[in-house]
Amino acid sequence: MDGVGSFGAGRTGSTIDPIAFAKQPQTILRVLSWIFSLVVFASIVNEGYVNAGSERLHCVFNKNADACNYGVLVGLVGLLACSFFFLLDFKFSSISSVKDRKKAVMLEVGFSGFWTFLYFVSFCFLANQWSQTTADELPLNQGADAARAAIAFSFFSILTWAGLTLRAVQKYLLGTDMTLFTSEHMDGSAPAQPYPSNSPGGTTTTRHHRRRWRGGGR
């Protein structure tokens, strides 16, 4: 019974249709989250540090290194997490244990909700630091596009990770669908006639019916 129609997936060992899997809303949100995390991470790493008239590079967000480090961390971990959960989504139907499926869904709910919050903090933090950055302190023409991209895609990531959290919660609330299991056993698997009773009471009842039949129903 383990793994039969549980938590929104089919029975264990069912064939996965790549096209249908790619069209799922969860898969689309996962891919978008991966792309957005990549943009946040790459923008800060490649152009998020500028030369302010010296050999030392400064973070484009108001020279606040914590802002750049936070954006890089959230983007990189989000990128890796999307890759991990994408593989988990693809292999989910092959998990035979209902308990293991439940743990996987709970992990997704917790992580997606937490990363939604972290991206919200990232958006607020980076936007605040960028608003305080002046051209007198940094040559904004060097990292302006990267800063705006990191802020914008941090906001977009809030939406996609919130959507992933909602999908994971729906999957968790769906729980175990036992209709596949019950219908499978009702379609011809049950015996047409009950087995003869081996109890003494069953033997006595059978003999009683035989006497009535021989006696003409009296």
N, C-alpha and C. Protein backbone atom coordinates (compact mmCIF):
# COMPACT_ATOMS: atom_id res chain seq x y z
N MET A 1 0.82 -1.20 0.00
CA MET A 1 0.00 0.00 0.00
C MET A 1 0.86 1.26 0.00
N ASP A 2 2.11 1.17 0.39
CA ASP A 2 2.99 2.32 0.45
C ASP A 2 3.17 2.91 -0.93
N GLY A 3 3.04 4.25 -1.00
CA GLY A 3 3.33 4.95 -2.23
C GLY A 3 2.23 4.92 -3.25
N VAL A 4 1.03 4.41 -2.92
CA VAL A 4 -0.05 4.35 -3.88
C VAL A 4 -0.82 5.66 -3.83
N GLY A 5 -0.67 6.50 -4.85
CA GLY A 5 -1.42 7.73 -4.94
C GLY A 5 -1.21 8.66 -3.76
N SER A 6 -0.05 8.70 -3.17
CA SER A 6 0.16 9.51 -1.97
C SER A 6 0.81 10.83 -2.30
N PHE A 7 0.32 11.90 -1.64
CA PHE A 7 0.86 13.25 -1.75
C PHE A 7 0.94 13.72 -3.21
N GLY A 8 -0.12 13.47 -3.94
CA GLY A 8 -0.22 14.01 -5.29
C GLY A 8 0.52 13.25 -6.36
N ALA A 9 1.20 12.15 -6.01
CA ALA A 9 1.94 11.37 -7.00
C ALA A 9 1.23 10.04 -7.25
N GLY A 10 1.53 9.43 -8.38
CA GLY A 10 0.94 8.14 -8.70
C GLY A 10 1.58 7.02 -7.92
N ARG A 11 1.18 5.81 -8.25
CA ARG A 11 1.71 4.65 -7.56
C ARG A 11 3.19 4.47 -7.87
N THR A 12 3.87 3.78 -6.99
CA THR A 12 5.30 3.57 -7.13
C THR A 12 5.62 2.82 -8.41
N GLY A 13 6.63 3.31 -9.13
CA GLY A 13 7.05 2.65 -10.36
C GLY A 13 6.28 3.08 -11.58
N SER A 14 5.34 4.04 -11.43
CA SER A 14 4.59 4.50 -12.59
C SER A 14 5.50 5.26 -13.55
N THR A 15 5.20 5.20 -14.83
CA THR A 15 6.01 5.84 -15.85
C THR A 15 5.85 7.35 -15.80
N ILE A 16 6.97 8.08 -15.87
CA ILE A 16 6.96 9.54 -15.82
C ILE A 16 6.96 10.08 -17.25
N ASP A 17 5.99 10.90 -17.56
CA ASP A 17 5.92 11.54 -18.87
C ASP A 17 6.69 12.85 -18.80
N PRO A 18 7.84 12.97 -19.48
CA PRO A 18 8.65 14.20 -19.39
C PRO A 18 7.90 15.43 -19.83
N ILE A 19 7.06 15.30 -20.86
CA ILE A 19 6.32 16.47 -21.35
C ILE A 19 5.31 16.94 -20.32
N ALA A 20 4.56 15.99 -19.76
CA ALA A 20 3.58 16.35 -18.72
C ALA A 20 4.28 16.91 -17.49
N PHE A 21 5.44 16.36 -17.16
CA PHE A 21 6.20 16.86 -16.01
C PHE A 21 6.67 18.29 -16.24
N ALA A 22 7.11 18.57 -17.46
CA ALA A 22 7.60 19.92 -17.77
C ALA A 22 6.48 20.95 -17.76
N LYS A 23 5.24 20.52 -18.01
CA LYS A 23 4.11 21.45 -18.06
C LYS A 23 3.49 21.69 -16.69
N GLN A 24 3.91 20.97 -15.69
CA GLN A 24 3.34 21.15 -14.37
C GLN A 24 3.68 22.55 -13.83
N PRO A 25 2.72 23.20 -13.15
CA PRO A 25 3.00 24.53 -12.58
C PRO A 25 4.19 24.52 -11.63
N GLN A 26 4.34 23.45 -10.88
CA GLN A 26 5.45 23.37 -9.94
C GLN A 26 6.79 23.34 -10.67
N THR A 27 6.86 22.63 -11.79
CA THR A 27 8.09 22.58 -12.57
C THR A 27 8.42 23.95 -13.17
N ILE A 28 7.40 24.64 -13.67
CA ILE A 28 7.62 25.96 -14.24
C ILE A 28 8.11 26.94 -13.18
N LEU A 29 7.49 26.91 -12.01
CA LEU A 29 7.93 27.78 -10.92
C LEU A 29 9.35 27.44 -10.48
N ARG A 30 9.68 26.15 -10.50
CA ARG A 30 11.02 25.72 -10.10
C ARG A 30 12.08 26.25 -11.08
N VAL A 31 11.79 26.16 -12.35
CA VAL A 31 12.74 26.64 -13.36
C VAL A 31 12.90 28.16 -13.27
N LEU A 32 11.79 28.86 -13.08
CA LEU A 32 11.86 30.32 -12.94
C LEU A 32 12.66 30.72 -11.70
N SER A 33 12.45 30.00 -10.61
CA SER A 33 13.21 30.29 -9.38
C SER A 33 14.69 30.05 -9.60
N TRP A 34 15.02 29.01 -10.35
CA TRP A 34 16.42 28.72 -10.66
C TRP A 34 17.05 29.85 -11.47
N ILE A 35 16.32 30.33 -12.48
CA ILE A 35 16.83 31.41 -13.31
C ILE A 35 16.99 32.70 -12.51
N PHE A 36 15.99 33.02 -11.70
CA PHE A 36 16.04 34.25 -10.91
C PHE A 36 17.19 34.21 -9.90
N SER A 37 17.39 33.06 -9.27
CA SER A 37 18.51 32.93 -8.33
C SER A 37 19.85 33.09 -9.03
N LEU A 38 19.93 32.55 -10.24
CA LEU A 38 21.17 32.68 -11.02
C LEU A 38 21.45 34.14 -11.34
N VAL A 39 20.41 34.89 -11.70
CA VAL A 39 20.60 36.30 -12.05
C VAL A 39 21.06 37.09 -10.83
N VAL A 40 20.43 36.85 -9.68
CA VAL A 40 20.82 37.56 -8.45
C VAL A 40 22.27 37.25 -8.11
N PHE A 41 22.62 35.99 -8.14
CA PHE A 41 23.99 35.57 -7.80
C PHE A 41 25.01 36.12 -8.79
N ALA A 42 24.75 35.94 -10.08
CA ALA A 42 25.72 36.33 -11.11
C ALA A 42 25.87 37.85 -11.21
N SER A 43 24.78 38.57 -11.02
CA SER A 43 24.85 40.04 -11.13
C SER A 43 25.78 40.62 -10.08
N ILE A 44 25.66 40.13 -8.85
CA ILE A 44 26.49 40.68 -7.79
C ILE A 44 27.94 40.21 -7.93
N VAL A 45 28.13 38.95 -8.27
CA VAL A 45 29.50 38.43 -8.38
C VAL A 45 30.25 39.09 -9.52
N ASN A 46 29.60 39.28 -10.66
CA ASN A 46 30.29 39.81 -11.83
C ASN A 46 30.44 41.33 -11.83
N GLU A 47 29.40 42.05 -11.41
CA GLU A 47 29.43 43.51 -11.52
C GLU A 47 29.01 44.21 -10.24
N GLY A 48 28.89 43.48 -9.16
CA GLY A 48 28.44 44.09 -7.92
C GLY A 48 29.53 44.76 -7.12
N TYR A 49 30.76 44.69 -7.57
CA TYR A 49 31.88 45.33 -6.89
C TYR A 49 32.54 46.31 -7.86
N VAL A 50 32.75 47.53 -7.39
CA VAL A 50 33.29 48.59 -8.26
C VAL A 50 34.53 49.19 -7.62
N ASN A 51 35.32 49.81 -8.48
CA ASN A 51 36.55 50.47 -8.05
C ASN A 51 36.25 51.94 -7.78
N ALA A 52 36.37 52.35 -6.52
CA ALA A 52 36.04 53.73 -6.14
C ALA A 52 37.31 54.56 -6.07
N GLY A 53 38.06 54.65 -7.15
CA GLY A 53 39.25 55.48 -7.19
C GLY A 53 40.45 54.87 -6.52
N SER A 54 40.38 53.59 -6.18
CA SER A 54 41.51 52.92 -5.55
C SER A 54 41.56 51.49 -6.06
N GLU A 55 42.58 50.78 -5.64
CA GLU A 55 42.69 49.39 -6.07
C GLU A 55 41.70 48.48 -5.35
N ARG A 56 41.16 48.93 -4.29
CA ARG A 56 40.22 48.13 -3.52
C ARG A 56 38.83 48.20 -4.13
N LEU A 57 38.19 47.04 -4.23
CA LEU A 57 36.82 46.99 -4.76
C LEU A 57 35.82 47.14 -3.62
N HIS A 58 34.75 47.88 -3.89
CA HIS A 58 33.70 48.10 -2.91
C HIS A 58 32.37 47.57 -3.44
N CYS A 59 31.55 47.14 -2.52
CA CYS A 59 30.21 46.68 -2.90
C CYS A 59 29.42 47.86 -3.44
N VAL A 60 28.72 47.65 -4.54
CA VAL A 60 27.98 48.72 -5.18
C VAL A 60 26.82 49.19 -4.33
N PHE A 61 26.39 48.39 -3.38
CA PHE A 61 25.29 48.77 -2.50
C PHE A 61 25.83 49.57 -1.31
N ASN A 62 26.10 50.84 -1.54
CA ASN A 62 26.50 51.76 -0.49
C ASN A 62 27.78 51.31 0.23
N LYS A 63 28.65 50.65 -0.50
CA LYS A 63 29.91 50.13 0.05
C LYS A 63 29.69 49.16 1.21
N ASN A 64 28.51 48.61 1.27
CA ASN A 64 28.18 47.68 2.35
C ASN A 64 28.46 46.25 1.87
N ALA A 65 29.55 45.69 2.35
CA ALA A 65 29.93 44.34 1.91
C ALA A 65 28.91 43.30 2.36
N ASP A 66 28.23 43.57 3.48
CA ASP A 66 27.22 42.62 3.95
C ASP A 66 26.07 42.47 2.95
N ALA A 67 25.73 43.56 2.30
CA ALA A 67 24.64 43.50 1.31
C ALA A 67 25.02 42.59 0.14
N CYS A 68 26.23 42.76 -0.37
CA CYS A 68 26.68 41.90 -1.47
C CYS A 68 26.81 40.45 -1.03
N ASN A 69 27.37 40.24 0.15
CA ASN A 69 27.53 38.87 0.64
C ASN A 69 26.18 38.18 0.85
N TYR A 70 25.23 38.93 1.37
CA TYR A 70 23.90 38.35 1.60
C TYR A 70 23.22 37.98 0.27
N GLY A 71 23.31 38.90 -0.70
CA GLY A 71 22.70 38.61 -2.00
C GLY A 71 23.33 37.41 -2.68
N VAL A 72 24.66 37.30 -2.59
CA VAL A 72 25.35 36.16 -3.18
C VAL A 72 24.95 34.86 -2.49
N LEU A 73 24.88 34.90 -1.17
CA LEU A 73 24.54 33.69 -0.42
C LEU A 73 23.13 33.21 -0.74
N VAL A 74 22.17 34.13 -0.71
CA VAL A 74 20.77 33.76 -0.98
C VAL A 74 20.63 33.25 -2.41
N GLY A 75 21.28 33.91 -3.36
CA GLY A 75 21.18 33.48 -4.75
C GLY A 75 21.83 32.13 -5.00
N LEU A 76 23.02 31.91 -4.41
CA LEU A 76 23.73 30.66 -4.64
C LEU A 76 23.01 29.47 -4.00
N VAL A 77 22.60 29.62 -2.76
CA VAL A 77 21.89 28.52 -2.09
C VAL A 77 20.54 28.27 -2.75
N GLY A 78 19.86 29.33 -3.16
CA GLY A 78 18.60 29.15 -3.87
C GLY A 78 18.79 28.42 -5.18
N LEU A 79 19.89 28.71 -5.86
CA LEU A 79 20.20 28.03 -7.12
C LEU A 79 20.42 26.53 -6.89
N LEU A 80 21.20 26.19 -5.89
CA LEU A 80 21.46 24.78 -5.58
C LEU A 80 20.20 24.07 -5.09
N ALA A 81 19.41 24.78 -4.28
CA ALA A 81 18.18 24.17 -3.75
C ALA A 81 17.20 23.87 -4.87
N CYS A 82 17.09 24.78 -5.84
CA CYS A 82 16.19 24.54 -6.97
C CYS A 82 16.61 23.29 -7.75
N SER A 83 17.91 23.12 -7.92
CA SER A 83 18.41 21.93 -8.63
C SER A 83 18.08 20.67 -7.85
N PHE A 84 18.25 20.71 -6.54
CA PHE A 84 17.96 19.54 -5.71
C PHE A 84 16.48 19.19 -5.73
N PHE A 85 15.62 20.18 -5.54
CA PHE A 85 14.19 19.91 -5.50
C PHE A 85 13.64 19.55 -6.88
N PHE A 86 14.29 20.01 -7.92
CA PHE A 86 13.87 19.62 -9.27
C PHE A 86 14.08 18.12 -9.47
N LEU A 87 15.23 17.62 -9.05
CA LEU A 87 15.48 16.18 -9.12
C LEU A 87 14.54 15.41 -8.21
N LEU A 88 14.26 15.97 -7.04
CA LEU A 88 13.33 15.31 -6.12
C LEU A 88 11.93 15.22 -6.71
N ASP A 89 11.49 16.28 -7.39
CA ASP A 89 10.19 16.25 -8.05
C ASP A 89 10.13 15.16 -9.11
N PHE A 90 11.22 15.02 -9.86
CA PHE A 90 11.25 14.04 -10.94
C PHE A 90 11.26 12.61 -10.40
N LYS A 91 11.91 12.40 -9.26
CA LYS A 91 12.03 11.07 -8.69
C LYS A 91 10.97 10.78 -7.63
N PHE A 92 10.05 11.70 -7.41
CA PHE A 92 9.12 11.57 -6.30
C PHE A 92 8.25 10.32 -6.42
N SER A 93 7.82 10.00 -7.62
CA SER A 93 6.96 8.83 -7.81
C SER A 93 7.67 7.52 -7.53
N SER A 94 9.00 7.51 -7.58
CA SER A 94 9.75 6.29 -7.33
C SER A 94 9.99 6.05 -5.84
N ILE A 95 9.62 6.99 -4.99
CA ILE A 95 9.75 6.80 -3.54
C ILE A 95 8.62 5.89 -3.09
N SER A 96 8.96 4.71 -2.58
CA SER A 96 7.96 3.71 -2.26
C SER A 96 7.29 3.92 -0.92
N SER A 97 7.97 4.55 0.01
CA SER A 97 7.42 4.71 1.35
C SER A 97 6.62 5.99 1.47
N VAL A 98 5.42 5.88 2.02
CA VAL A 98 4.58 7.05 2.25
C VAL A 98 5.24 7.98 3.28
N LYS A 99 5.89 7.41 4.27
CA LYS A 99 6.56 8.22 5.29
C LYS A 99 7.70 9.04 4.67
N ASP A 100 8.45 8.42 3.75
CA ASP A 100 9.53 9.15 3.09
C ASP A 100 8.98 10.26 2.20
N ARG A 101 7.86 9.99 1.56
CA ARG A 101 7.24 11.03 0.75
C ARG A 101 6.79 12.19 1.62
N LYS A 102 6.22 11.88 2.76
CA LYS A 102 5.77 12.92 3.67
C LYS A 102 6.94 13.77 4.15
N LYS A 103 8.07 13.13 4.47
CA LYS A 103 9.26 13.88 4.90
C LYS A 103 9.75 14.79 3.78
N ALA A 104 9.74 14.29 2.55
CA ALA A 104 10.20 15.10 1.42
C ALA A 104 9.31 16.32 1.22
N VAL A 105 8.00 16.13 1.34
CA VAL A 105 7.08 17.25 1.17
C VAL A 105 7.23 18.25 2.31
N MET A 106 7.40 17.76 3.53
CA MET A 106 7.58 18.66 4.67
C MET A 106 8.88 19.46 4.53
N LEU A 107 9.93 18.82 4.02
CA LEU A 107 11.18 19.52 3.78
C LEU A 107 10.99 20.63 2.75
N GLU A 108 10.23 20.34 1.71
CA GLU A 108 9.99 21.35 0.68
C GLU A 108 9.16 22.51 1.22
N VAL A 109 8.15 22.20 2.03
CA VAL A 109 7.32 23.26 2.61
C VAL A 109 8.17 24.18 3.48
N GLY A 110 8.99 23.58 4.36
CA GLY A 110 9.81 24.37 5.27
C GLY A 110 10.84 25.21 4.54
N PHE A 111 11.56 24.59 3.60
CA PHE A 111 12.63 25.31 2.90
C PHE A 111 12.06 26.41 2.00
N SER A 112 11.01 26.09 1.25
CA SER A 112 10.45 27.09 0.33
C SER A 112 9.89 28.28 1.09
N GLY A 113 9.21 28.02 2.20
CA GLY A 113 8.70 29.12 3.00
C GLY A 113 9.81 29.98 3.58
N PHE A 114 10.86 29.31 4.07
CA PHE A 114 11.99 30.04 4.64
C PHE A 114 12.72 30.86 3.59
N TRP A 115 12.88 30.31 2.38
CA TRP A 115 13.60 31.03 1.34
C TRP A 115 12.76 32.16 0.76
N THR A 116 11.45 32.04 0.82
CA THR A 116 10.60 33.17 0.45
C THR A 116 10.86 34.35 1.37
N PHE A 117 10.97 34.05 2.66
CA PHE A 117 11.25 35.10 3.64
C PHE A 117 12.64 35.70 3.42
N LEU A 118 13.64 34.86 3.14
CA LEU A 118 15.00 35.37 2.93
C LEU A 118 15.08 36.25 1.68
N TYR A 119 14.34 35.91 0.65
CA TYR A 119 14.34 36.75 -0.54
C TYR A 119 13.61 38.07 -0.28
N PHE A 120 12.61 38.04 0.58
CA PHE A 120 11.95 39.29 0.97
C PHE A 120 12.93 40.20 1.70
N VAL A 121 13.71 39.60 2.61
CA VAL A 121 14.74 40.37 3.31
C VAL A 121 15.78 40.88 2.32
N SER A 122 16.17 40.06 1.36
CA SER A 122 17.15 40.46 0.35
C SER A 122 16.65 41.65 -0.46
N PHE A 123 15.41 41.59 -0.88
CA PHE A 123 14.85 42.70 -1.65
C PHE A 123 14.85 44.00 -0.84
N CYS A 124 14.38 43.93 0.39
CA CYS A 124 14.32 45.13 1.24
C CYS A 124 15.72 45.65 1.55
N PHE A 125 16.63 44.74 1.87
CA PHE A 125 17.99 45.12 2.25
C PHE A 125 18.73 45.78 1.08
N LEU A 126 18.71 45.11 -0.08
CA LEU A 126 19.41 45.65 -1.24
C LEU A 126 18.79 46.95 -1.73
N ALA A 127 17.47 47.03 -1.74
CA ALA A 127 16.80 48.26 -2.18
C ALA A 127 17.12 49.42 -1.25
N ASN A 128 17.16 49.15 0.05
CA ASN A 128 17.48 50.20 1.01
C ASN A 128 18.90 50.71 0.84
N GLN A 129 19.85 49.78 0.69
CA GLN A 129 21.24 50.18 0.53
C GLN A 129 21.48 50.89 -0.80
N TRP A 130 20.78 50.47 -1.83
CA TRP A 130 20.94 51.12 -3.13
C TRP A 130 20.38 52.54 -3.11
N SER A 131 19.29 52.74 -2.38
CA SER A 131 18.70 54.08 -2.28
C SER A 131 19.61 55.05 -1.56
N GLN A 132 20.50 54.53 -0.71
CA GLN A 132 21.42 55.38 0.04
C GLN A 132 22.75 55.60 -0.68
N THR A 133 22.93 54.92 -1.80
CA THR A 133 24.18 55.04 -2.56
C THR A 133 24.17 56.30 -3.40
N THR A 134 25.24 57.06 -3.33
CA THR A 134 25.34 58.31 -4.10
C THR A 134 26.49 58.23 -5.09
N ALA A 135 26.39 59.05 -6.11
CA ALA A 135 27.43 59.07 -7.15
C ALA A 135 28.74 59.64 -6.63
N ASP A 136 28.68 60.37 -5.52
CA ASP A 136 29.91 60.93 -4.96
C ASP A 136 30.79 59.86 -4.35
N GLU A 137 30.17 58.79 -3.89
CA GLU A 137 30.93 57.74 -3.22
C GLU A 137 31.36 56.64 -4.18
N LEU A 138 30.51 56.33 -5.15
CA LEU A 138 30.79 55.22 -6.06
C LEU A 138 30.47 55.62 -7.49
N PRO A 139 31.23 55.13 -8.43
CA PRO A 139 30.89 55.35 -9.85
C PRO A 139 29.73 54.45 -10.25
N LEU A 140 28.52 54.97 -10.10
CA LEU A 140 27.32 54.15 -10.25
C LEU A 140 27.13 53.62 -11.66
N ASN A 141 27.78 54.24 -12.63
CA ASN A 141 27.62 53.76 -14.00
C ASN A 141 28.24 52.37 -14.19
N GLN A 142 29.13 51.98 -13.29
CA GLN A 142 29.78 50.68 -13.42
C GLN A 142 28.89 49.52 -12.95
N GLY A 143 28.19 49.70 -11.86
CA GLY A 143 27.42 48.60 -11.30
C GLY A 143 25.95 48.85 -11.15
N ALA A 144 25.44 49.91 -11.79
CA ALA A 144 24.03 50.25 -11.64
C ALA A 144 23.11 49.16 -12.19
N ASP A 145 23.44 48.67 -13.37
CA ASP A 145 22.59 47.63 -13.97
C ASP A 145 22.58 46.36 -13.13
N ALA A 146 23.73 45.99 -12.61
CA ALA A 146 23.81 44.79 -11.77
C ALA A 146 23.01 44.97 -10.49
N ALA A 147 23.09 46.15 -9.89
CA ALA A 147 22.35 46.41 -8.66
C ALA A 147 20.85 46.35 -8.90
N ARG A 148 20.41 46.99 -9.96
CA ARG A 148 18.97 46.98 -10.26
C ARG A 148 18.49 45.57 -10.59
N ALA A 149 19.32 44.80 -11.30
CA ALA A 149 18.94 43.43 -11.64
C ALA A 149 18.82 42.58 -10.38
N ALA A 150 19.76 42.71 -9.45
CA ALA A 150 19.71 41.94 -8.21
C ALA A 150 18.47 42.28 -7.39
N ILE A 151 18.12 43.56 -7.35
CA ILE A 151 16.93 43.98 -6.60
C ILE A 151 15.66 43.47 -7.27
N ALA A 152 15.58 43.64 -8.59
CA ALA A 152 14.37 43.24 -9.32
C ALA A 152 14.14 41.74 -9.23
N PHE A 153 15.19 40.96 -9.44
CA PHE A 153 15.01 39.51 -9.45
C PHE A 153 14.90 38.94 -8.04
N SER A 154 15.33 39.70 -7.04
CA SER A 154 15.03 39.30 -5.67
C SER A 154 13.53 39.41 -5.43
N PHE A 155 12.92 40.45 -5.97
CA PHE A 155 11.47 40.61 -5.85
C PHE A 155 10.73 39.51 -6.61
N PHE A 156 11.17 39.21 -7.82
CA PHE A 156 10.54 38.14 -8.59
C PHE A 156 10.68 36.79 -7.88
N SER A 157 11.80 36.60 -7.21
CA SER A 157 12.02 35.34 -6.49
C SER A 157 11.06 35.18 -5.33
N ILE A 158 10.66 36.29 -4.73
CA ILE A 158 9.66 36.21 -3.66
C ILE A 158 8.39 35.56 -4.19
N LEU A 159 7.98 35.97 -5.37
CA LEU A 159 6.74 35.46 -5.96
C LEU A 159 6.85 33.98 -6.32
N THR A 160 7.97 33.60 -6.94
CA THR A 160 8.09 32.20 -7.37
C THR A 160 8.27 31.26 -6.18
N TRP A 161 9.05 31.67 -5.18
CA TRP A 161 9.22 30.81 -4.01
C TRP A 161 7.94 30.74 -3.18
N ALA A 162 7.17 31.83 -3.16
CA ALA A 162 5.87 31.77 -2.48
C ALA A 162 4.93 30.81 -3.21
N GLY A 163 4.99 30.83 -4.55
CA GLY A 163 4.18 29.87 -5.32
C GLY A 163 4.61 28.44 -5.05
N LEU A 164 5.90 28.18 -4.94
CA LEU A 164 6.39 26.84 -4.62
C LEU A 164 5.95 26.42 -3.23
N THR A 165 5.95 27.35 -2.30
CA THR A 165 5.49 27.03 -0.95
C THR A 165 4.02 26.65 -0.96
N LEU A 166 3.22 27.39 -1.70
CA LEU A 166 1.79 27.09 -1.79
C LEU A 166 1.55 25.73 -2.43
N ARG A 167 2.28 25.41 -3.48
CA ARG A 167 2.14 24.11 -4.14
C ARG A 167 2.54 22.98 -3.20
N ALA A 168 3.59 23.19 -2.42
CA ALA A 168 4.04 22.16 -1.48
C ALA A 168 3.02 21.97 -0.37
N VAL A 169 2.41 23.04 0.10
CA VAL A 169 1.38 22.93 1.14
C VAL A 169 0.17 22.18 0.59
N GLN A 170 -0.22 22.48 -0.64
CA GLN A 170 -1.34 21.76 -1.25
C GLN A 170 -1.04 20.27 -1.38
N LYS A 171 0.20 19.96 -1.74
CA LYS A 171 0.60 18.56 -1.85
C LYS A 171 0.56 17.87 -0.50
N TYR A 172 0.98 18.58 0.53
CA TYR A 172 0.97 18.01 1.88
C TYR A 172 -0.46 17.79 2.36
N LEU A 173 -1.35 18.76 2.11
CA LEU A 173 -2.74 18.62 2.55
C LEU A 173 -3.47 17.52 1.78
N LEU A 174 -3.02 17.28 0.55
CA LEU A 174 -3.64 16.20 -0.23
C LEU A 174 -3.42 14.86 0.44
N GLY A 175 -2.25 14.69 1.04
CA GLY A 175 -1.97 13.48 1.81
C GLY A 175 -1.99 12.24 0.95
N THR A 176 -2.54 11.17 1.49
CA THR A 176 -2.59 9.88 0.82
C THR A 176 -3.95 9.64 0.22
N ASP A 177 -4.01 9.49 -1.08
CA ASP A 177 -5.25 9.19 -1.78
C ASP A 177 -5.40 7.67 -1.88
N MET A 178 -6.36 7.12 -1.13
CA MET A 178 -6.52 5.67 -1.08
C MET A 178 -7.46 5.14 -2.15
N THR A 179 -7.98 6.01 -3.02
CA THR A 179 -8.95 5.53 -4.01
C THR A 179 -8.31 4.55 -4.99
N LEU A 180 -7.03 4.80 -5.34
CA LEU A 180 -6.36 3.87 -6.27
C LEU A 180 -6.21 2.49 -5.64
N PHE A 181 -5.90 2.49 -4.35
CA PHE A 181 -5.69 1.22 -3.68
C PHE A 181 -7.00 0.44 -3.56
N THR A 182 -8.09 1.13 -3.17
CA THR A 182 -9.36 0.43 -2.98
C THR A 182 -9.94 -0.03 -4.30
N SER A 183 -9.88 0.80 -5.34
CA SER A 183 -10.44 0.39 -6.63
C SER A 183 -9.66 -0.77 -7.23
N GLU A 184 -8.34 -0.79 -6.95
CA GLU A 184 -7.52 -1.86 -7.50
C GLU A 184 -7.93 -3.21 -6.92
N HIS A 185 -8.33 -3.22 -5.64
CA HIS A 185 -8.69 -4.46 -5.00
C HIS A 185 -10.16 -4.82 -5.20
N MET A 186 -10.98 -3.85 -5.61
CA MET A 186 -12.38 -4.14 -5.84
C MET A 186 -12.64 -4.67 -7.24
N ASP A 187 -11.75 -4.37 -8.18
CA ASP A 187 -11.95 -4.78 -9.57
C ASP A 187 -11.49 -6.23 -9.78
N GLY A 188 -12.32 -7.18 -9.37
CA GLY A 188 -12.07 -8.57 -9.68
C GLY A 188 -11.11 -9.27 -8.75
N SER A 189 -10.50 -8.56 -7.82
CA SER A 189 -9.55 -9.21 -6.95
C SER A 189 -10.22 -9.92 -5.79
N ALA A 190 -11.43 -9.47 -5.40
CA ALA A 190 -12.15 -10.11 -4.30
C ALA A 190 -12.80 -11.39 -4.80
N PRO A 191 -12.88 -12.44 -4.02
CA PRO A 191 -13.50 -13.69 -4.45
C PRO A 191 -14.99 -13.52 -4.67
N ALA A 192 -15.51 -14.15 -5.70
CA ALA A 192 -16.93 -14.04 -6.03
C ALA A 192 -17.81 -14.70 -4.98
N GLN A 193 -17.37 -15.81 -4.40
CA GLN A 193 -18.14 -16.53 -3.41
C GLN A 193 -17.36 -16.59 -2.11
N PRO A 194 -18.02 -16.48 -1.00
CA PRO A 194 -17.30 -16.59 0.28
C PRO A 194 -16.79 -17.99 0.50
N TYR A 195 -15.68 -18.09 1.21
CA TYR A 195 -15.14 -19.39 1.53
C TYR A 195 -16.05 -20.10 2.52
N PRO A 196 -16.18 -21.45 2.43
CA PRO A 196 -17.02 -22.18 3.39
C PRO A 196 -16.46 -22.04 4.79
N SER A 197 -17.34 -21.88 5.71
CA SER A 197 -16.93 -21.68 7.09
C SER A 197 -16.45 -22.99 7.69
N ASN A 198 -15.33 -22.90 8.43
CA ASN A 198 -14.78 -24.07 9.12
C ASN A 198 -15.20 -24.14 10.57
N SER A 199 -16.01 -23.16 10.99
CA SER A 199 -16.43 -23.15 12.39
C SER A 199 -17.53 -24.16 12.62
N PRO A 200 -17.70 -24.66 13.84
CA PRO A 200 -18.77 -25.63 14.14
C PRO A 200 -20.13 -25.06 13.82
N GLY A 201 -20.31 -23.74 14.07
CA GLY A 201 -21.61 -23.14 13.77
C GLY A 201 -21.92 -23.17 12.30
N GLY A 202 -20.89 -22.95 11.48
CA GLY A 202 -21.10 -22.96 10.04
C GLY A 202 -21.47 -24.34 9.55
N THR A 203 -20.90 -25.40 10.10
CA THR A 203 -21.21 -26.77 9.71
C THR A 203 -22.63 -27.14 10.08
N THR A 204 -23.07 -26.72 11.26
CA THR A 204 -24.42 -27.02 11.71
C THR A 204 -25.44 -26.34 10.83
N THR A 205 -25.17 -25.09 10.45
CA THR A 205 -26.10 -24.36 9.60
C THR A 205 -26.21 -25.02 8.24
N THR A 206 -25.09 -25.48 7.68
CA THR A 206 -25.11 -26.14 6.38
C THR A 206 -25.93 -27.41 6.42
N ARG A 207 -25.76 -28.22 7.45
CA ARG A 207 -26.53 -29.46 7.58
C ARG A 207 -28.02 -29.18 7.74
N HIS A 208 -28.34 -28.13 8.45
CA HIS A 208 -29.74 -27.78 8.64
C HIS A 208 -30.41 -27.44 7.32
N HIS A 209 -29.70 -26.69 6.46
CA HIS A 209 -30.26 -26.35 5.16
C HIS A 209 -30.38 -27.58 4.27
N ARG A 210 -29.48 -28.54 4.40
CA ARG A 210 -29.59 -29.77 3.61
C ARG A 210 -30.84 -30.58 4.01
N ARG A 211 -31.13 -30.64 5.33
CA ARG A 211 -32.32 -31.37 5.79
C ARG A 211 -33.59 -30.72 5.24
N ARG A 212 -33.64 -29.38 5.24
CA ARG A 212 -34.82 -28.71 4.74
C ARG A 212 -34.99 -28.96 3.24
N TRP A 213 -33.91 -29.01 2.50
CA TRP A 213 -34.01 -29.23 1.06
C TRP A 213 -34.50 -30.64 0.77
N ARG A 214 -33.99 -31.63 1.52
CA ARG A 214 -34.41 -33.02 1.30
C ARG A 214 -35.86 -33.22 1.72
N GLY A 215 -36.27 -32.47 2.72
CA GLY A 215 -37.64 -32.67 3.20
C GLY A 215 -38.67 -31.86 2.47
N GLY A 216 -38.30 -31.25 1.37
CA GLY A 216 -39.27 -30.49 0.59
C GLY A 216 -39.52 -29.11 1.13
N GLY A 217 -38.55 -28.57 1.87
CA GLY A 217 -38.68 -27.20 2.36
C GLY A 217 -39.41 -27.10 3.66
N ARG A 218 -39.76 -28.20 4.38
CA ARG A 218 -40.44 -28.15 5.66
C ARG A 218 -39.46 -27.79 6.76
